[in-house]
Amino acid sequence: MSLNRVIGAGNKIPWHLPEDFKWFKKMTSGNVVIMGRKTFESLGKPLPNRKNLVLTRHPQRLIKKHPEIFGEYHEWRGGQQLKRAYQLHFTKLEGKLTTDILVFKSLDKIDPVEFPNDVFIAGGAQIYDQALPRCSDLFLTVVKRQIEGGDAFFPPFEDKFDLIETIRDEPEFKILHYRHRALFSLTADG
């Protein structure tokens, strides 16, 4: 987020920080990344070597709107209609890398026990707002400038999280590690 909490403008990230992208890739590779439909569409493709969980209320619109993405996924499992919930699963193999896309109706329909790896929330604003109360840790890149014209903002979190460490401090950005007070004390106490 920027100093004034902006995370997006016109469904795009309003800055380009290659070193931050490298850090994000290193942290999330081999893990699960959850994002909303708009974030998924802004990326233009699924993130490779990760399970991409996309949240949308209208999966068929997403799939029909993006045949360039979903048309190349030949294996399809899912479409299960369970109490108006659904899970669509697409898999693509590229050499040794596997890219999965799972589409869910809501965050509540995702069972974290199904995923033995770490689960990362990649946006957008509505998904952050829903997920932050459930997150034990927050890794936040703070862009050291004000962004004008932003239309997506990172939700307040400071009343529930404590700063644990500064992972990186560069001239243009810093990466901070926060820990959820209530959730961490529950896990630490057993």
N, C-alpha and C. Protein backbone atom coordinates (compact mmCIF):
# COMPACT_ATOMS: atom_id res chain seq x y z
N MET A 1 0.84 -1.18 0.00
CA MET A 1 0.00 0.00 0.00
C MET A 1 0.88 1.24 0.00
N SER A 2 0.35 2.33 -0.52
CA SER A 2 1.07 3.60 -0.47
C SER A 2 0.91 4.21 0.91
N LEU A 3 1.56 5.33 1.15
CA LEU A 3 1.45 6.01 2.44
C LEU A 3 0.01 6.43 2.74
N ASN A 4 -0.80 6.66 1.70
CA ASN A 4 -2.21 7.00 1.91
C ASN A 4 -3.13 5.80 1.64
N ARG A 5 -2.60 4.57 1.80
CA ARG A 5 -3.31 3.29 1.79
C ARG A 5 -3.79 2.83 0.42
N VAL A 6 -3.42 3.50 -0.66
CA VAL A 6 -3.83 3.09 -2.01
C VAL A 6 -3.15 1.77 -2.35
N ILE A 7 -3.96 0.85 -2.93
CA ILE A 7 -3.39 -0.41 -3.46
C ILE A 7 -3.72 -0.58 -4.94
N GLY A 8 -4.61 0.25 -5.46
CA GLY A 8 -4.97 0.12 -6.87
C GLY A 8 -5.59 1.37 -7.44
N ALA A 9 -5.48 1.49 -8.76
CA ALA A 9 -6.10 2.59 -9.51
C ALA A 9 -6.47 2.04 -10.88
N GLY A 10 -7.77 2.00 -11.17
CA GLY A 10 -8.19 1.48 -12.46
C GLY A 10 -7.85 0.02 -12.65
N ASN A 11 -7.94 -0.78 -11.59
CA ASN A 11 -7.64 -2.21 -11.60
C ASN A 11 -6.18 -2.50 -11.97
N LYS A 12 -5.29 -1.57 -11.60
CA LYS A 12 -3.86 -1.76 -11.81
C LYS A 12 -3.11 -1.31 -10.55
N ILE A 13 -1.94 -1.87 -10.34
CA ILE A 13 -1.07 -1.40 -9.26
C ILE A 13 -0.40 -0.12 -9.76
N PRO A 14 -0.53 0.98 -9.01
CA PRO A 14 -0.02 2.27 -9.52
C PRO A 14 1.48 2.50 -9.29
N TRP A 15 2.28 1.46 -9.28
CA TRP A 15 3.73 1.57 -9.19
C TRP A 15 4.34 0.31 -9.77
N HIS A 16 5.63 0.39 -10.05
CA HIS A 16 6.35 -0.78 -10.58
C HIS A 16 7.61 -0.95 -9.74
N LEU A 17 7.64 -1.99 -8.91
CA LEU A 17 8.77 -2.26 -8.03
C LEU A 17 9.25 -3.69 -8.25
N PRO A 18 10.14 -3.91 -9.22
CA PRO A 18 10.59 -5.27 -9.54
C PRO A 18 11.13 -6.05 -8.34
N GLU A 19 11.83 -5.39 -7.43
CA GLU A 19 12.39 -6.10 -6.27
C GLU A 19 11.27 -6.60 -5.35
N ASP A 20 10.21 -5.85 -5.23
CA ASP A 20 9.06 -6.29 -4.42
C ASP A 20 8.38 -7.48 -5.11
N PHE A 21 8.24 -7.42 -6.43
CA PHE A 21 7.64 -8.56 -7.15
C PHE A 21 8.48 -9.82 -6.96
N LYS A 22 9.81 -9.69 -6.99
CA LYS A 22 10.69 -10.85 -6.78
C LYS A 22 10.49 -11.43 -5.38
N TRP A 23 10.38 -10.57 -4.39
CA TRP A 23 10.16 -11.03 -3.02
C TRP A 23 8.82 -11.74 -2.91
N PHE A 24 7.77 -11.17 -3.52
CA PHE A 24 6.44 -11.80 -3.51
C PHE A 24 6.50 -13.17 -4.17
N LYS A 25 7.18 -13.28 -5.29
CA LYS A 25 7.30 -14.56 -5.99
C LYS A 25 8.01 -15.59 -5.12
N LYS A 26 9.11 -15.17 -4.49
CA LYS A 26 9.86 -16.08 -3.62
C LYS A 26 9.00 -16.58 -2.46
N MET A 27 8.23 -15.68 -1.86
CA MET A 27 7.40 -16.04 -0.71
C MET A 27 6.24 -16.96 -1.10
N THR A 28 5.63 -16.73 -2.25
CA THR A 28 4.40 -17.44 -2.61
C THR A 28 4.61 -18.66 -3.49
N SER A 29 5.75 -18.81 -4.14
CA SER A 29 5.98 -19.96 -5.03
C SER A 29 5.83 -21.26 -4.25
N GLY A 30 5.10 -22.19 -4.85
CA GLY A 30 4.84 -23.48 -4.23
C GLY A 30 3.73 -23.45 -3.19
N ASN A 31 3.10 -22.31 -3.03
CA ASN A 31 2.06 -22.14 -2.02
C ASN A 31 0.72 -21.81 -2.67
N VAL A 32 -0.21 -21.38 -1.85
CA VAL A 32 -1.57 -21.03 -2.29
C VAL A 32 -1.71 -19.51 -2.27
N VAL A 33 -2.30 -18.95 -3.33
CA VAL A 33 -2.55 -17.52 -3.40
C VAL A 33 -4.05 -17.33 -3.63
N ILE A 34 -4.70 -16.58 -2.73
CA ILE A 34 -6.12 -16.29 -2.85
C ILE A 34 -6.28 -14.86 -3.33
N MET A 35 -7.15 -14.67 -4.33
CA MET A 35 -7.39 -13.33 -4.86
C MET A 35 -8.82 -13.23 -5.36
N GLY A 36 -9.30 -12.01 -5.44
CA GLY A 36 -10.60 -11.76 -6.02
C GLY A 36 -10.53 -11.79 -7.54
N ARG A 37 -11.70 -11.81 -8.16
CA ARG A 37 -11.78 -11.86 -9.61
C ARG A 37 -11.06 -10.70 -10.27
N LYS A 38 -11.26 -9.48 -9.78
CA LYS A 38 -10.63 -8.31 -10.41
C LYS A 38 -9.10 -8.39 -10.34
N THR A 39 -8.57 -8.86 -9.23
CA THR A 39 -7.12 -9.03 -9.11
C THR A 39 -6.63 -10.08 -10.10
N PHE A 40 -7.35 -11.19 -10.18
CA PHE A 40 -6.99 -12.24 -11.14
C PHE A 40 -6.98 -11.69 -12.57
N GLU A 41 -8.03 -10.93 -12.92
CA GLU A 41 -8.11 -10.37 -14.27
C GLU A 41 -7.00 -9.35 -14.51
N SER A 42 -6.63 -8.58 -13.49
CA SER A 42 -5.58 -7.57 -13.68
C SER A 42 -4.22 -8.23 -13.93
N LEU A 43 -4.02 -9.43 -13.37
CA LEU A 43 -2.76 -10.15 -13.62
C LEU A 43 -2.68 -10.64 -15.06
N GLY A 44 -3.83 -10.97 -15.63
CA GLY A 44 -3.86 -11.43 -17.02
C GLY A 44 -3.61 -12.91 -17.20
N LYS A 45 -3.17 -13.58 -16.13
CA LYS A 45 -2.93 -15.02 -16.20
C LYS A 45 -2.74 -15.51 -14.76
N PRO A 46 -2.88 -16.82 -14.54
CA PRO A 46 -2.62 -17.33 -13.20
C PRO A 46 -1.13 -17.24 -12.85
N LEU A 47 -0.85 -17.14 -11.57
CA LEU A 47 0.54 -17.10 -11.13
C LEU A 47 1.12 -18.51 -11.21
N PRO A 48 2.22 -18.71 -11.92
CA PRO A 48 2.78 -20.05 -12.09
C PRO A 48 3.36 -20.62 -10.80
N ASN A 49 3.37 -21.96 -10.74
CA ASN A 49 3.92 -22.71 -9.62
C ASN A 49 3.23 -22.37 -8.30
N ARG A 50 1.94 -22.06 -8.38
CA ARG A 50 1.13 -21.78 -7.20
C ARG A 50 -0.27 -22.29 -7.45
N LYS A 51 -0.99 -22.57 -6.39
CA LYS A 51 -2.43 -22.80 -6.51
C LYS A 51 -3.08 -21.43 -6.46
N ASN A 52 -3.81 -21.08 -7.51
CA ASN A 52 -4.48 -19.79 -7.60
C ASN A 52 -5.94 -20.00 -7.22
N LEU A 53 -6.37 -19.45 -6.09
CA LEU A 53 -7.77 -19.53 -5.67
C LEU A 53 -8.41 -18.20 -5.98
N VAL A 54 -9.43 -18.23 -6.83
CA VAL A 54 -10.10 -17.01 -7.27
C VAL A 54 -11.50 -16.99 -6.67
N LEU A 55 -11.85 -15.87 -6.06
CA LEU A 55 -13.17 -15.71 -5.47
C LEU A 55 -14.04 -14.89 -6.40
N THR A 56 -15.21 -15.44 -6.75
CA THR A 56 -16.17 -14.72 -7.58
C THR A 56 -17.55 -15.29 -7.34
N ARG A 57 -18.55 -14.45 -7.45
CA ARG A 57 -19.93 -14.91 -7.32
C ARG A 57 -20.45 -15.45 -8.66
N HIS A 58 -19.73 -15.17 -9.75
CA HIS A 58 -20.18 -15.55 -11.09
C HIS A 58 -19.06 -16.26 -11.86
N PRO A 59 -18.81 -17.53 -11.54
CA PRO A 59 -17.67 -18.22 -12.18
C PRO A 59 -17.84 -18.41 -13.68
N GLN A 60 -19.05 -18.67 -14.15
CA GLN A 60 -19.23 -18.88 -15.59
C GLN A 60 -18.91 -17.62 -16.38
N ARG A 61 -19.23 -16.45 -15.83
CA ARG A 61 -18.87 -15.20 -16.50
C ARG A 61 -17.35 -15.06 -16.59
N LEU A 62 -16.67 -15.41 -15.52
CA LEU A 62 -15.21 -15.33 -15.49
C LEU A 62 -14.62 -16.25 -16.56
N ILE A 63 -15.10 -17.48 -16.62
CA ILE A 63 -14.57 -18.47 -17.56
C ILE A 63 -14.90 -18.08 -19.00
N LYS A 64 -16.13 -17.66 -19.25
CA LYS A 64 -16.51 -17.27 -20.62
C LYS A 64 -15.81 -15.99 -21.06
N LYS A 65 -15.58 -15.06 -20.13
CA LYS A 65 -14.95 -13.79 -20.46
C LYS A 65 -13.46 -13.97 -20.78
N HIS A 66 -12.86 -15.07 -20.27
CA HIS A 66 -11.42 -15.27 -20.43
C HIS A 66 -11.09 -16.63 -21.03
N PRO A 67 -11.55 -16.89 -22.27
CA PRO A 67 -11.19 -18.17 -22.89
C PRO A 67 -9.69 -18.29 -23.14
N GLU A 68 -8.99 -17.15 -23.26
CA GLU A 68 -7.55 -17.19 -23.47
C GLU A 68 -6.83 -17.77 -22.25
N ILE A 69 -7.45 -17.68 -21.08
CA ILE A 69 -6.88 -18.27 -19.87
C ILE A 69 -7.42 -19.67 -19.67
N PHE A 70 -8.74 -19.79 -19.60
CA PHE A 70 -9.34 -21.07 -19.23
C PHE A 70 -9.38 -22.07 -20.37
N GLY A 71 -9.28 -21.59 -21.61
CA GLY A 71 -9.28 -22.49 -22.75
C GLY A 71 -8.05 -23.36 -22.83
N GLU A 72 -6.94 -22.90 -22.22
CA GLU A 72 -5.70 -23.68 -22.28
C GLU A 72 -5.59 -24.69 -21.14
N TYR A 73 -6.55 -24.70 -20.25
CA TYR A 73 -6.56 -25.66 -19.15
C TYR A 73 -7.43 -26.83 -19.56
N HIS A 74 -6.79 -27.93 -19.91
CA HIS A 74 -7.51 -29.05 -20.49
C HIS A 74 -8.16 -29.94 -19.45
N GLU A 75 -7.58 -30.00 -18.27
CA GLU A 75 -8.15 -30.84 -17.24
C GLU A 75 -9.08 -29.98 -16.39
N TRP A 76 -10.31 -30.41 -16.26
CA TRP A 76 -11.28 -29.67 -15.45
C TRP A 76 -11.99 -30.62 -14.53
N ARG A 77 -11.95 -30.32 -13.27
CA ARG A 77 -12.69 -31.10 -12.29
C ARG A 77 -13.51 -30.10 -11.49
N GLY A 78 -14.65 -30.51 -11.06
CA GLY A 78 -15.39 -29.64 -10.16
C GLY A 78 -16.75 -29.30 -10.71
N GLY A 79 -17.19 -28.10 -10.40
CA GLY A 79 -18.53 -27.71 -10.74
C GLY A 79 -19.52 -28.29 -9.75
N GLN A 80 -19.02 -28.71 -8.60
CA GLN A 80 -19.88 -29.33 -7.61
C GLN A 80 -20.85 -28.28 -7.06
N GLN A 81 -22.12 -28.61 -7.09
CA GLN A 81 -23.12 -27.71 -6.53
C GLN A 81 -23.51 -28.24 -5.15
N LEU A 82 -22.96 -27.68 -4.12
CA LEU A 82 -23.23 -28.11 -2.76
C LEU A 82 -23.79 -26.91 -1.99
N LYS A 83 -25.08 -26.93 -1.72
CA LYS A 83 -25.73 -25.84 -1.00
C LYS A 83 -25.35 -24.49 -1.60
N ARG A 84 -25.47 -24.36 -2.91
CA ARG A 84 -25.21 -23.13 -3.66
C ARG A 84 -23.75 -22.70 -3.60
N ALA A 85 -22.87 -23.64 -3.23
CA ALA A 85 -21.44 -23.36 -3.27
C ALA A 85 -20.85 -24.09 -4.47
N TYR A 86 -19.70 -23.69 -4.90
CA TYR A 86 -19.07 -24.39 -6.01
C TYR A 86 -17.57 -24.33 -5.86
N GLN A 87 -16.94 -25.29 -6.50
CA GLN A 87 -15.49 -25.30 -6.60
C GLN A 87 -15.16 -25.80 -7.99
N LEU A 88 -14.53 -24.97 -8.78
CA LEU A 88 -14.07 -25.35 -10.11
C LEU A 88 -12.56 -25.47 -10.04
N HIS A 89 -12.02 -26.54 -10.64
CA HIS A 89 -10.60 -26.80 -10.53
C HIS A 89 -10.01 -27.02 -11.92
N PHE A 90 -9.03 -26.20 -12.28
CA PHE A 90 -8.33 -26.30 -13.55
C PHE A 90 -6.86 -26.56 -13.25
N THR A 91 -6.23 -27.44 -14.01
CA THR A 91 -4.82 -27.76 -13.80
C THR A 91 -4.07 -27.67 -15.12
N LYS A 92 -2.87 -27.11 -15.06
CA LYS A 92 -2.01 -27.02 -16.24
C LYS A 92 -0.61 -27.46 -15.84
N LEU A 93 -0.03 -28.37 -16.61
CA LEU A 93 1.33 -28.83 -16.36
C LEU A 93 2.26 -28.22 -17.40
N GLU A 94 3.36 -27.63 -16.92
CA GLU A 94 4.37 -27.07 -17.82
C GLU A 94 5.73 -27.57 -17.32
N GLY A 95 6.19 -28.67 -17.91
CA GLY A 95 7.44 -29.25 -17.44
C GLY A 95 7.26 -29.74 -16.02
N LYS A 96 8.09 -29.20 -15.11
CA LYS A 96 8.00 -29.59 -13.70
C LYS A 96 7.06 -28.69 -12.91
N LEU A 97 6.58 -27.62 -13.53
CA LEU A 97 5.72 -26.68 -12.83
C LEU A 97 4.26 -27.05 -13.02
N THR A 98 3.50 -26.94 -11.96
CA THR A 98 2.05 -27.15 -12.03
C THR A 98 1.38 -25.86 -11.62
N THR A 99 0.41 -25.43 -12.41
CA THR A 99 -0.38 -24.26 -12.07
C THR A 99 -1.82 -24.70 -11.94
N ASP A 100 -2.39 -24.43 -10.80
CA ASP A 100 -3.79 -24.76 -10.54
C ASP A 100 -4.59 -23.48 -10.38
N ILE A 101 -5.82 -23.51 -10.88
CA ILE A 101 -6.79 -22.45 -10.61
C ILE A 101 -8.00 -23.11 -9.99
N LEU A 102 -8.38 -22.65 -8.82
CA LEU A 102 -9.61 -23.09 -8.19
C LEU A 102 -10.49 -21.87 -8.02
N VAL A 103 -11.75 -21.99 -8.39
CA VAL A 103 -12.68 -20.87 -8.32
C VAL A 103 -13.69 -21.17 -7.23
N PHE A 104 -13.85 -20.24 -6.30
CA PHE A 104 -14.77 -20.39 -5.18
C PHE A 104 -15.75 -19.23 -5.14
N LYS A 105 -16.89 -19.51 -4.54
CA LYS A 105 -17.92 -18.48 -4.38
C LYS A 105 -17.53 -17.45 -3.33
N SER A 106 -16.93 -17.90 -2.23
CA SER A 106 -16.57 -16.97 -1.16
C SER A 106 -15.43 -17.55 -0.34
N LEU A 107 -14.84 -16.71 0.47
CA LEU A 107 -13.76 -17.11 1.35
C LEU A 107 -14.24 -18.18 2.33
N ASP A 108 -15.50 -18.10 2.73
CA ASP A 108 -16.06 -19.08 3.67
C ASP A 108 -16.09 -20.50 3.10
N LYS A 109 -16.07 -20.64 1.79
CA LYS A 109 -16.13 -21.96 1.15
C LYS A 109 -14.77 -22.63 1.03
N ILE A 110 -13.70 -21.92 1.44
CA ILE A 110 -12.36 -22.47 1.35
C ILE A 110 -11.99 -23.06 2.70
N ASP A 111 -11.62 -24.32 2.69
CA ASP A 111 -11.18 -25.00 3.91
C ASP A 111 -9.65 -25.01 3.91
N PRO A 112 -9.01 -24.20 4.77
CA PRO A 112 -7.55 -24.14 4.75
C PRO A 112 -6.87 -25.48 5.05
N VAL A 113 -7.58 -26.40 5.68
CA VAL A 113 -7.01 -27.71 5.97
C VAL A 113 -6.71 -28.47 4.68
N GLU A 114 -7.44 -28.14 3.60
CA GLU A 114 -7.21 -28.80 2.31
C GLU A 114 -5.85 -28.46 1.72
N PHE A 115 -5.24 -27.40 2.20
CA PHE A 115 -4.00 -26.91 1.61
C PHE A 115 -2.88 -26.98 2.64
N PRO A 116 -1.98 -27.95 2.51
CA PRO A 116 -0.92 -28.10 3.51
C PRO A 116 0.12 -26.98 3.45
N ASN A 117 0.18 -26.26 2.35
CA ASN A 117 1.16 -25.18 2.20
C ASN A 117 0.63 -23.90 2.82
N ASP A 118 1.48 -22.87 2.83
CA ASP A 118 1.05 -21.57 3.31
C ASP A 118 0.04 -20.97 2.35
N VAL A 119 -0.88 -20.19 2.90
CA VAL A 119 -1.91 -19.53 2.11
C VAL A 119 -1.67 -18.03 2.21
N PHE A 120 -1.56 -17.38 1.04
CA PHE A 120 -1.31 -15.94 0.96
C PHE A 120 -2.52 -15.26 0.33
N ILE A 121 -2.87 -14.10 0.85
CA ILE A 121 -3.96 -13.30 0.29
C ILE A 121 -3.32 -12.24 -0.61
N ALA A 122 -3.75 -12.18 -1.87
CA ALA A 122 -3.12 -11.29 -2.84
C ALA A 122 -4.03 -10.16 -3.31
N GLY A 123 -5.14 -9.94 -2.62
CA GLY A 123 -5.99 -8.81 -2.98
C GLY A 123 -7.24 -9.22 -3.69
N GLY A 124 -8.02 -8.30 -3.99
CA GLY A 124 -8.01 -6.87 -3.79
C GLY A 124 -8.56 -6.45 -2.43
N ALA A 125 -9.00 -5.21 -2.40
CA ALA A 125 -9.40 -4.57 -1.15
C ALA A 125 -10.49 -5.34 -0.41
N GLN A 126 -11.52 -5.81 -1.13
CA GLN A 126 -12.60 -6.55 -0.47
C GLN A 126 -12.09 -7.86 0.12
N ILE A 127 -11.20 -8.53 -0.58
CA ILE A 127 -10.67 -9.81 -0.09
C ILE A 127 -9.78 -9.56 1.12
N TYR A 128 -8.95 -8.52 1.09
CA TYR A 128 -8.15 -8.19 2.26
C TYR A 128 -9.05 -7.92 3.47
N ASP A 129 -10.10 -7.16 3.26
CA ASP A 129 -11.01 -6.82 4.35
C ASP A 129 -11.63 -8.08 4.96
N GLN A 130 -12.03 -9.03 4.13
CA GLN A 130 -12.62 -10.27 4.62
C GLN A 130 -11.59 -11.19 5.27
N ALA A 131 -10.38 -11.21 4.74
CA ALA A 131 -9.38 -12.18 5.18
C ALA A 131 -8.56 -11.75 6.39
N LEU A 132 -8.30 -10.47 6.55
CA LEU A 132 -7.41 -10.02 7.62
C LEU A 132 -7.79 -10.54 9.01
N PRO A 133 -9.07 -10.59 9.38
CA PRO A 133 -9.39 -11.13 10.71
C PRO A 133 -8.97 -12.58 10.89
N ARG A 134 -8.74 -13.31 9.80
CA ARG A 134 -8.38 -14.73 9.86
C ARG A 134 -6.88 -14.97 9.71
N CYS A 135 -6.13 -13.94 9.40
CA CYS A 135 -4.70 -14.08 9.11
C CYS A 135 -3.87 -13.98 10.37
N SER A 136 -2.92 -14.91 10.53
CA SER A 136 -2.02 -14.85 11.68
C SER A 136 -0.89 -13.85 11.43
N ASP A 137 -0.47 -13.72 10.17
CA ASP A 137 0.63 -12.83 9.83
C ASP A 137 0.24 -11.96 8.65
N LEU A 138 0.84 -10.78 8.61
CA LEU A 138 0.63 -9.83 7.51
C LEU A 138 2.00 -9.38 7.05
N PHE A 139 2.29 -9.64 5.77
CA PHE A 139 3.51 -9.14 5.15
C PHE A 139 3.07 -8.01 4.24
N LEU A 140 3.44 -6.80 4.59
CA LEU A 140 2.92 -5.62 3.92
C LEU A 140 4.05 -4.80 3.30
N THR A 141 3.94 -4.58 2.00
CA THR A 141 4.86 -3.66 1.33
C THR A 141 4.26 -2.26 1.43
N VAL A 142 5.02 -1.33 1.97
CA VAL A 142 4.59 0.06 2.06
C VAL A 142 5.42 0.85 1.05
N VAL A 143 4.73 1.42 0.07
CA VAL A 143 5.38 2.24 -0.95
C VAL A 143 5.53 3.63 -0.34
N LYS A 144 6.72 4.16 -0.36
CA LYS A 144 7.04 5.40 0.35
C LYS A 144 6.66 6.64 -0.44
N ARG A 145 5.40 6.71 -0.84
CA ARG A 145 4.88 7.91 -1.49
C ARG A 145 3.37 7.92 -1.44
N GLN A 146 2.80 9.09 -1.64
CA GLN A 146 1.36 9.26 -1.71
C GLN A 146 0.94 8.99 -3.16
N ILE A 147 -0.19 8.32 -3.33
CA ILE A 147 -0.69 8.02 -4.67
C ILE A 147 -2.03 8.75 -4.83
N GLU A 148 -2.10 9.60 -5.81
CA GLU A 148 -3.35 10.31 -6.11
C GLU A 148 -4.16 9.51 -7.12
N GLY A 149 -5.46 9.59 -7.02
CA GLY A 149 -6.34 8.93 -7.99
C GLY A 149 -6.56 7.45 -7.72
N GLY A 150 -6.19 6.99 -6.54
CA GLY A 150 -6.43 5.59 -6.22
C GLY A 150 -7.91 5.31 -6.00
N ASP A 151 -8.34 4.10 -6.34
CA ASP A 151 -9.74 3.72 -6.13
C ASP A 151 -9.89 2.43 -5.33
N ALA A 152 -8.76 1.86 -4.89
CA ALA A 152 -8.78 0.67 -4.03
C ALA A 152 -7.78 0.93 -2.90
N PHE A 153 -8.23 0.64 -1.66
CA PHE A 153 -7.44 0.99 -0.49
C PHE A 153 -7.29 -0.21 0.44
N PHE A 154 -6.13 -0.30 1.10
CA PHE A 154 -5.91 -1.36 2.07
C PHE A 154 -6.69 -1.03 3.33
N PRO A 155 -7.41 -2.01 3.88
CA PRO A 155 -8.25 -1.74 5.05
C PRO A 155 -7.42 -1.50 6.31
N PRO A 156 -8.01 -0.83 7.29
CA PRO A 156 -7.31 -0.64 8.57
C PRO A 156 -7.03 -1.99 9.23
N PHE A 157 -5.88 -2.11 9.83
CA PHE A 157 -5.49 -3.36 10.49
C PHE A 157 -4.72 -3.09 11.78
N GLU A 158 -4.28 -1.86 11.96
CA GLU A 158 -3.34 -1.53 13.02
C GLU A 158 -3.85 -1.84 14.42
N ASP A 159 -5.15 -1.87 14.62
CA ASP A 159 -5.69 -2.14 15.95
C ASP A 159 -5.65 -3.63 16.31
N LYS A 160 -5.36 -4.51 15.32
CA LYS A 160 -5.34 -5.95 15.58
C LYS A 160 -3.98 -6.61 15.36
N PHE A 161 -3.06 -5.89 14.76
CA PHE A 161 -1.74 -6.46 14.42
C PHE A 161 -0.62 -5.66 15.08
N ASP A 162 0.45 -6.37 15.43
CA ASP A 162 1.66 -5.74 15.97
C ASP A 162 2.79 -5.90 14.97
N LEU A 163 3.59 -4.85 14.82
CA LEU A 163 4.76 -4.93 13.96
C LEU A 163 5.81 -5.81 14.62
N ILE A 164 6.24 -6.85 13.89
CA ILE A 164 7.23 -7.80 14.40
C ILE A 164 8.63 -7.44 13.90
N GLU A 165 8.73 -7.13 12.59
CA GLU A 165 10.05 -6.83 12.02
C GLU A 165 9.91 -6.07 10.71
N THR A 166 10.97 -5.38 10.37
CA THR A 166 11.10 -4.78 9.04
C THR A 166 11.98 -5.74 8.25
N ILE A 167 11.39 -6.34 7.22
CA ILE A 167 12.11 -7.34 6.43
C ILE A 167 13.07 -6.67 5.46
N ARG A 168 12.60 -5.61 4.81
CA ARG A 168 13.44 -4.84 3.87
C ARG A 168 13.10 -3.38 4.03
N ASP A 169 14.10 -2.52 3.84
CA ASP A 169 13.87 -1.08 3.85
C ASP A 169 14.69 -0.48 2.71
N GLU A 170 14.01 -0.24 1.62
CA GLU A 170 14.63 0.29 0.40
C GLU A 170 14.24 1.76 0.24
N PRO A 171 14.89 2.49 -0.66
CA PRO A 171 14.52 3.90 -0.85
C PRO A 171 13.05 4.11 -1.28
N GLU A 172 12.51 3.19 -2.11
CA GLU A 172 11.15 3.37 -2.61
C GLU A 172 10.08 2.64 -1.81
N PHE A 173 10.46 1.61 -1.05
CA PHE A 173 9.47 0.81 -0.32
C PHE A 173 10.12 0.11 0.86
N LYS A 174 9.25 -0.37 1.74
CA LYS A 174 9.72 -1.25 2.82
C LYS A 174 8.72 -2.38 2.97
N ILE A 175 9.22 -3.53 3.41
CA ILE A 175 8.37 -4.70 3.63
C ILE A 175 8.35 -4.95 5.13
N LEU A 176 7.14 -4.94 5.68
CA LEU A 176 6.94 -5.08 7.11
C LEU A 176 6.22 -6.38 7.43
N HIS A 177 6.59 -6.99 8.55
CA HIS A 177 5.94 -8.22 9.01
C HIS A 177 5.19 -7.89 10.29
N TYR A 178 3.87 -8.09 10.22
CA TYR A 178 2.99 -7.88 11.37
C TYR A 178 2.44 -9.23 11.81
N ARG A 179 2.05 -9.31 13.08
CA ARG A 179 1.43 -10.53 13.60
C ARG A 179 0.11 -10.15 14.28
N HIS A 180 -0.92 -10.95 14.01
CA HIS A 180 -2.24 -10.73 14.59
C HIS A 180 -2.19 -11.03 16.09
N ARG A 181 -2.56 -10.06 16.90
CA ARG A 181 -2.46 -10.22 18.36
C ARG A 181 -3.26 -11.40 18.87
N ALA A 182 -4.55 -11.44 18.56
CA ALA A 182 -5.44 -12.47 19.11
C ALA A 182 -5.14 -13.85 18.52
N LEU A 183 -4.95 -13.94 17.22
CA LEU A 183 -4.71 -15.24 16.60
C LEU A 183 -3.36 -15.81 16.99
N PHE A 184 -2.35 -14.97 17.11
CA PHE A 184 -1.05 -15.50 17.48
C PHE A 184 -1.04 -15.98 18.91
N SER A 185 -1.71 -15.26 19.81
CA SER A 185 -1.74 -15.71 21.20
C SER A 185 -2.50 -17.03 21.34
N LEU A 186 -3.54 -17.24 20.48
CA LEU A 186 -4.27 -18.51 20.50
C LEU A 186 -3.39 -19.66 20.04
N THR A 187 -2.63 -19.45 18.98
CA THR A 187 -1.77 -20.52 18.44
C THR A 187 -0.56 -20.73 19.35
N ALA A 188 -0.04 -19.68 19.94
CA ALA A 188 1.13 -19.81 20.81
C ALA A 188 0.77 -20.53 22.12
N ASP A 189 -0.46 -20.34 22.59
CA ASP A 189 -0.89 -20.97 23.84
C ASP A 189 -1.35 -22.42 23.66
N GLY A 190 -1.43 -22.87 22.42
CA GLY A 190 -1.81 -24.25 22.14
C GLY A 190 -3.25 -24.31 21.88
